[in-house]
Protein backbone atom coordinates (compact mmCIF):
# COMPACT_ATOMS: atom_id res chain seq x y z
CA MET A 1 140.46 71.74 75.29
CA LYS A 2 143.12 73.38 77.47
CA LEU A 3 142.22 75.31 80.62
CA ILE A 4 144.64 77.98 81.81
CA VAL A 5 143.73 79.28 85.24
CA GLY A 6 145.24 82.39 86.79
CA LEU A 7 144.67 82.80 90.51
CA GLY A 8 143.96 86.13 92.17
CA ASN A 9 141.31 88.18 93.91
CA PRO A 10 138.65 90.13 92.01
CA GLY A 11 138.27 93.89 92.23
CA SER A 12 140.41 96.96 91.65
CA LYS A 13 141.54 96.92 95.29
CA TYR A 14 143.66 93.82 94.53
CA GLU A 15 144.95 94.69 91.05
CA HIS A 16 148.69 94.08 90.66
CA THR A 17 149.15 92.91 94.25
CA ARG A 18 151.49 90.02 94.89
CA HIS A 19 148.55 87.62 95.27
CA ASN A 20 147.23 88.51 91.79
CA MET A 21 150.20 87.32 89.76
CA GLY A 22 148.03 84.62 88.18
CA PHE A 23 145.55 87.24 86.96
CA ASP A 24 148.41 89.37 85.62
CA VAL A 25 149.78 86.43 83.61
CA ILE A 26 146.34 85.65 82.17
CA ASP A 27 145.80 89.31 81.24
CA LEU A 28 149.13 89.56 79.41
CA PHE A 29 148.64 86.18 77.72
CA SER A 30 145.13 87.15 76.58
CA ASP A 31 146.44 90.41 75.08
CA LEU A 32 149.26 88.67 73.21
CA MET A 33 147.04 85.82 71.96
CA MET A 34 144.14 88.19 71.18
CA ILE A 35 141.66 86.30 73.34
CA ASP A 36 139.15 88.60 74.97
CA ILE A 37 138.25 87.75 78.54
CA ASP A 38 134.73 88.96 78.05
CA LYS A 39 132.43 86.38 79.60
CA GLU A 40 131.28 85.81 83.17
CA ALA A 41 130.46 82.18 83.92
CA PHE A 42 131.37 79.44 86.40
CA HIS A 43 132.17 82.08 89.06
CA ALA A 44 134.91 83.45 86.83
CA ASP A 45 135.88 85.84 84.06
CA LEU A 46 136.84 83.83 81.01
CA GLY A 47 137.75 83.94 77.38
CA ARG A 48 137.86 81.24 74.72
CA GLY A 49 140.09 81.08 71.69
CA LYS A 50 142.70 79.17 69.76
CA VAL A 51 146.40 79.10 70.51
CA PHE A 52 148.62 77.05 68.19
CA ASP A 53 145.47 75.35 66.81
CA GLN A 54 144.36 74.26 70.28
CA ASP A 55 141.09 75.29 71.92
CA VAL A 56 141.91 77.25 75.06
CA ILE A 57 139.92 78.70 77.93
CA LEU A 58 141.60 81.51 79.89
CA PHE A 59 140.06 81.53 83.35
CA LYS A 60 140.19 83.97 86.28
CA PRO A 61 138.05 82.77 89.22
CA THR A 62 136.06 85.53 90.92
CA THR A 63 135.48 83.46 94.07
CA PHE A 64 138.44 85.05 95.84
CA MET A 65 141.69 83.15 96.10
CA ASN A 66 140.92 80.61 98.80
CA LEU A 67 137.79 79.29 97.05
CA SER A 68 139.27 79.02 93.54
CA GLY A 69 138.63 75.29 93.39
CA THR A 70 134.86 75.78 93.28
CA ALA A 71 135.07 77.74 90.01
CA VAL A 72 137.70 75.44 88.50
CA GLN A 73 135.67 72.35 89.34
CA GLU A 74 132.58 73.86 87.66
CA VAL A 75 134.32 74.65 84.37
CA VAL A 76 136.19 71.32 84.33
CA SER A 77 132.92 69.42 84.84
CA PHE A 78 130.97 71.43 82.28
CA PHE A 79 133.55 71.11 79.48
CA LYS A 80 134.77 67.66 80.59
CA ILE A 81 138.36 68.90 80.67
CA ASP A 82 140.98 66.29 81.45
CA ILE A 83 143.19 67.05 84.48
CA ASP A 84 146.22 66.74 82.18
CA ASP A 85 144.89 69.71 80.14
CA ILE A 86 144.87 72.16 83.06
CA ILE A 87 147.62 74.65 83.92
CA VAL A 88 147.26 76.87 87.00
CA VAL A 89 149.34 80.04 87.49
CA PHE A 90 149.79 81.57 90.95
CA ASP A 91 152.13 83.43 93.31
CA ASP A 92 154.60 81.67 95.60
CA MET A 93 156.40 83.22 98.60
CA ALA A 94 159.03 80.45 98.61
CA ILE A 95 160.42 81.64 95.26
CA GLN A 96 162.45 84.82 94.81
CA PRO A 97 160.85 87.68 92.87
CA GLY A 98 161.69 87.39 89.19
CA LYS A 99 161.81 83.59 89.20
CA ILE A 100 159.24 81.07 88.04
CA LYS A 101 158.94 77.34 88.66
CA LEU A 102 156.95 74.83 86.66
CA ARG A 103 155.80 71.51 88.13
CA LYS A 104 153.49 68.74 87.02
CA THR A 105 152.55 67.37 90.42
CA GLY A 106 153.03 67.87 94.15
CA SER A 107 151.57 69.67 97.11
CA SER A 108 150.26 73.23 97.12
CA GLY A 109 153.26 74.43 99.11
CA GLY A 110 150.83 76.23 101.41
CA GLN A 111 149.20 78.31 98.67
CA LYS A 112 145.56 78.18 99.80
CA GLY A 113 143.94 78.91 96.45
CA PHE A 114 145.85 76.12 94.77
CA GLN A 115 145.17 73.81 97.73
CA ASN A 116 141.46 74.43 97.24
CA ILE A 117 141.80 73.38 93.59
CA ILE A 118 143.65 70.22 94.65
CA ASP A 119 140.91 69.48 97.19
CA CYS A 120 138.06 70.06 94.72
CA LEU A 121 139.65 68.09 91.85
CA LYS A 122 140.93 65.42 94.28
CA THR A 123 144.43 65.26 92.79
CA GLU A 124 147.86 66.85 93.16
CA ASP A 125 148.64 65.98 89.53
CA ILE A 126 147.87 69.46 88.24
CA LYS A 127 150.39 71.37 86.16
CA ARG A 128 151.34 74.68 87.67
CA ILE A 129 153.48 77.74 87.05
CA ARG A 130 154.50 79.49 90.25
CA ILE A 131 155.53 83.15 90.16
CA GLY A 132 158.05 84.15 92.81
CA ILE A 133 157.04 86.99 95.12
CA GLY A 134 159.68 86.39 97.82
CA GLU A 135 159.52 86.06 101.58
CA PRO A 136 157.29 88.49 103.49
CA GLN A 137 158.65 91.30 105.62
CA CYS A 138 155.30 91.41 107.47
CA THR A 139 152.51 88.90 108.05
CA GLY A 140 151.80 86.66 105.07
CA THR A 141 148.30 88.03 104.43
CA ASP A 142 149.38 91.69 104.55
CA TYR A 143 152.34 90.87 102.33
CA VAL A 144 150.50 89.01 99.56
CA LEU A 145 147.71 91.62 99.44
CA SER A 146 150.18 94.50 99.10
CA LYS A 147 151.80 95.83 95.96
CA PRO A 148 155.47 95.11 95.31
CA SER A 149 158.08 97.85 95.52
CA LYS A 150 159.32 99.39 92.26
CA GLU A 151 162.44 97.21 92.39
CA GLU A 152 160.42 94.04 93.02
CA ARG A 153 157.89 95.04 90.33
CA ILE A 154 160.64 95.02 87.70
CA LEU A 155 161.61 91.48 88.70
CA ILE A 156 158.01 90.31 88.97
CA ASP A 157 157.14 91.77 85.55
CA GLU A 158 160.04 89.74 84.13
CA ALA A 159 158.66 86.62 85.80
CA ILE A 160 155.19 87.35 84.40
CA SER A 161 156.68 87.64 80.89
CA ASN A 162 158.58 84.39 81.37
CA ALA A 163 155.41 82.66 82.60
CA VAL A 164 153.61 83.81 79.44
CA GLU A 165 156.45 82.43 77.30
CA ALA A 166 156.33 79.16 79.26
CA LEU A 167 152.57 78.91 78.61
CA LYS A 168 153.16 79.48 74.91
CA GLU A 169 155.81 76.74 74.85
CA ALA A 170 153.57 74.35 76.79
CA LEU A 171 150.78 74.85 74.24
CA LYS A 172 153.08 74.83 71.20
CA SER A 173 155.14 71.79 72.25
CA ASN A 174 154.37 70.34 75.69
CA PHE A 175 154.70 71.08 79.39
CA ASP A 176 157.89 69.03 79.75
CA LYS A 177 159.64 71.19 77.17
CA ALA A 178 158.40 74.33 78.90
CA MET A 179 159.74 72.98 82.22
CA SER A 180 163.16 72.27 80.72
CA GLN A 181 163.36 75.77 79.24
CA TYR A 182 161.97 77.87 82.08
CA ASN A 183 162.90 76.09 85.34
């Protein structure tokens, strides 16, 4: 079973903010793959389905960003999901808007939600897709919790679409092929 985690903050106040890029990717992916995110469990909204004949859980933690690891650890333990079968999608200020980066291992790069997942699962060997939101013009917290400008939104929407395509390639082929195509 594959677990695809999108990081964000719950509630309409945070919809489509820079910090909710992971949620936006999961929402678009679920629409395209016709997987309803219609269950609340493990401190998350989730949906289960098949993508390219693989069992998949789409997962949006409702613990707020910085405690995402708690929810991820619960679902991983319950379904006995192998670390190699997890992909986490989240925003990254170190990447320009419109760009995505895929990695199989490494530090959180300062992204606190992803760091909490690393801490809870006790490994940096977690596949991730980072969505570029660019450098802040104000404090980091105010920046990530604000909505992008119209110009940035166009670029970010492109990155979200590319992240969805990368997820499809990772599930259809493998993560290495997705990395070679989308990095």
